[in-house]
Each structure stands twice: as structure tokens, then as C-alpha cells.
Protein backbone atom coordinates (compact mmCIF):
# COMPACT_ATOMS: atom_id res chain seq x y z
CA UNK A 1 -2.96 20.35 0.37
CA UNK A 2 0.92 19.13 1.37
CA UNK A 3 3.99 20.82 0.42
CA UNK A 4 5.71 17.65 1.13
CA UNK A 5 6.91 14.74 -1.38
CA UNK A 6 3.87 13.00 -3.49
CA UNK A 7 3.47 10.28 -5.84
CA UNK A 8 0.74 9.53 -8.38
CA UNK A 9 -0.12 5.83 -9.23
CA UNK A 10 -2.68 4.45 -11.71
CA UNK A 11 -4.28 1.73 -12.53
CA UNK A 12 -3.87 -0.18 -15.74
CA UNK A 13 -6.34 1.41 -17.54
CA UNK A 14 -5.83 4.98 -15.88
CA UNK A 15 -9.21 4.73 -14.75
CA UNK A 16 -8.51 5.14 -10.82
CA UNK A 17 -5.60 6.96 -9.81
CA UNK A 18 -4.39 7.20 -6.37
CA UNK A 19 -2.06 10.03 -4.58
CA UNK A 20 0.35 9.48 -2.00
CA UNK A 21 1.92 12.15 -0.14
CA UNK A 22 5.20 11.68 2.23
CA UNK A 23 7.38 8.97 3.10
CA UNK A 24 6.20 5.53 3.05
CA UNK A 25 6.36 3.58 6.31
CA UNK A 26 8.49 0.46 4.19
CA UNK A 27 8.36 -2.33 2.48
CA UNK A 28 7.32 -5.61 2.70
CA UNK A 29 6.13 -9.22 1.11
CA UNK A 30 2.40 -9.48 0.69
CA UNK A 31 0.52 -12.77 1.65
CA UNK A 32 0.71 -13.88 -1.98
CA UNK A 33 4.86 -13.43 -2.02
CA UNK A 34 4.78 -10.16 -3.94
CA UNK A 35 6.57 -7.23 -3.00
CA UNK A 36 4.53 -3.97 -1.50
CA UNK A 37 5.24 -0.98 0.11
CA UNK A 38 3.15 0.17 2.93
CA UNK A 39 1.68 4.08 3.69
CA UNK A 40 -0.24 5.12 6.34
CA UNK A 41 -3.56 5.43 5.90
CA UNK A 42 -4.34 8.87 5.86
CA UNK A 43 -0.79 9.47 3.23
CA UNK A 44 -3.67 7.72 0.46
CA UNK A 45 -6.39 9.50 -1.20
CA UNK A 46 -8.23 8.51 -4.23
CA UNK A 47 -6.89 11.66 -7.16
CA UNK A 48 -9.26 10.04 -9.61
CA UNK A 49 -12.04 7.66 -10.58
CA UNK A 50 -13.89 6.92 -7.04
CA UNK A 51 -16.94 5.69 -9.20
CA UNK A 52 -14.87 3.33 -10.35
CA UNK A 53 -13.00 1.92 -7.56
CA UNK A 54 -14.14 -1.65 -5.95
CA UNK A 55 -13.99 -2.70 -2.41
CA UNK A 56 -13.83 -6.13 -1.50
CA UNK A 57 -12.45 -8.05 1.39
CA UNK A 58 -8.89 -9.18 0.62
CA UNK A 59 -5.81 -9.96 2.94
CA UNK A 60 -7.51 -9.32 6.11
CA UNK A 61 -8.31 -5.69 5.04
CA UNK A 62 -10.08 -4.10 2.05
CA UNK A 63 -8.80 -4.51 -1.19
CA UNK A 64 -9.47 -1.80 -3.85
CA UNK A 65 -9.58 -2.26 -7.57
CA UNK A 66 -10.70 -0.61 -10.76
CA UNK A 67 -13.84 -1.78 -11.59
CA UNK A 68 -13.09 -1.56 -15.46
CA UNK A 69 -9.70 -3.11 -15.70
CA UNK A 70 -9.89 -5.31 -12.21
CA UNK A 71 -6.29 -4.26 -11.03
CA UNK A 72 -5.84 -4.09 -7.17
CA UNK A 73 -4.44 -1.01 -6.36
CA UNK A 74 -4.19 -0.90 -2.97
CA UNK A 75 -5.17 -2.79 0.08
CA UNK A 76 -6.19 -0.63 3.54
CA UNK A 77 -5.83 -2.59 6.38
CA UNK A 78 -7.66 0.20 8.54
CA UNK A 79 -6.79 -2.08 12.62
CA UNK A 80 -3.24 -1.59 11.58
CA UNK A 81 -3.66 2.47 10.49
CA UNK A 82 -1.76 1.40 7.05
CA UNK A 83 -2.50 1.06 2.54
CA UNK A 84 -0.13 -1.80 1.38
CA UNK A 85 0.41 -0.75 -2.49
CA UNK A 86 1.43 -2.96 -4.64
CA UNK A 87 5.03 -2.82 -6.31
CA UNK A 88 8.51 -2.40 -4.17
CA UNK A 89 9.67 0.61 -2.54
CA UNK A 90 12.18 2.99 -4.13
CA UNK A 91 15.03 2.44 -2.14
CA UNK A 92 16.54 0.80 0.62
CA UNK A 93 15.61 3.31 2.78
CA UNK A 94 11.76 2.94 2.53
CA UNK A 95 12.51 -0.84 2.42
CA UNK A 96 12.92 -0.83 6.08
CA UNK A 97 10.46 -2.45 8.08
CA UNK A 98 7.40 -0.54 9.81
CA UNK A 99 7.75 -0.03 13.28
CA UNK A 100 5.34 -1.76 16.29
CA UNK A 101 2.70 -2.08 16.37
CA UNK A 102 2.08 -1.46 12.97
CA UNK A 103 4.45 -4.57 11.77
CA UNK A 104 3.15 -6.97 14.24
CA UNK A 105 -0.72 -6.49 13.13
CA UNK A 106 0.54 -6.28 9.83
CA UNK A 107 2.58 -9.81 10.52
CA UNK A 108 -0.60 -11.30 11.93
CA UNK A 109 -2.06 -10.44 8.35
CA UNK A 110 0.58 -12.48 6.24
CA UNK A 111 2.99 -9.79 5.73
CA UNK A 112 6.45 -10.58 5.85
CA UNK A 113 9.46 -8.07 6.40
CA UNK A 114 13.06 -8.63 4.81
CA UNK A 115 15.86 -9.04 7.85
CA UNK A 116 18.18 -6.14 8.06
CA UNK A 117 21.36 -8.68 7.61
CA UNK A 118 20.64 -9.81 4.24
CA UNK A 119 22.77 -7.46 2.28
């Protein structure tokens, strides 16, 4: 178990809970135009509801959703080593785009990153 920063994220009905540890890689806009926060693959674990988790192909990765409420709780991109979780990063530092090679792989999947000069 890590002593680092962690967050607990749950679906709308609370049946599925993800735990993320550490700091995000950065923020992005997903292929559907929604904000997402990118985390290292090894930083995301299922905390509760593994039996309620449904995996489907999505956005060039594996979409993880709740069987009960249908909410997508994340998209795993194993080839890029990241998980995209819905929602914007908490602060500007977390919103910075991830470094290569993950960035190039994610751009190829349709993710877009904010430019640093727009602020």
C-alpha cells in the first residue's frame, strides 16, 4: 500500500469504486470532446465492485463501466500505459499534457491536449 496521494472515484450508483494513487499524468479532451484526466495504468485499481465492472472496446482501448448504472468509469489504454478517467484535472499542473511516448500514442487514439500558451 502506498502512502502517497490517493483518490476514490465511484460510479453514479456507487456499485463500482476505483482507487487512484499518486499524481495524474495530465489532462486531455477525449475523442468525444469531454474532459479526461490521464493516470498511469499501475496507479488505478478497482476498490469495490469488481463483479459489477463491465469491459467493452472503446476509444481504442477498453472501456470500464458499471453493470448497474451504465456509467463509464474509465478507459484503459494498455499500449500507452494509461487509464483515462472522466473529468478535468483538479489544477493547472495536473492539466499539463503527458510526456512522450504516451502523448503520441494517445493523440493517435483521438485525445487532444490543451496548448500551454492559452491561458
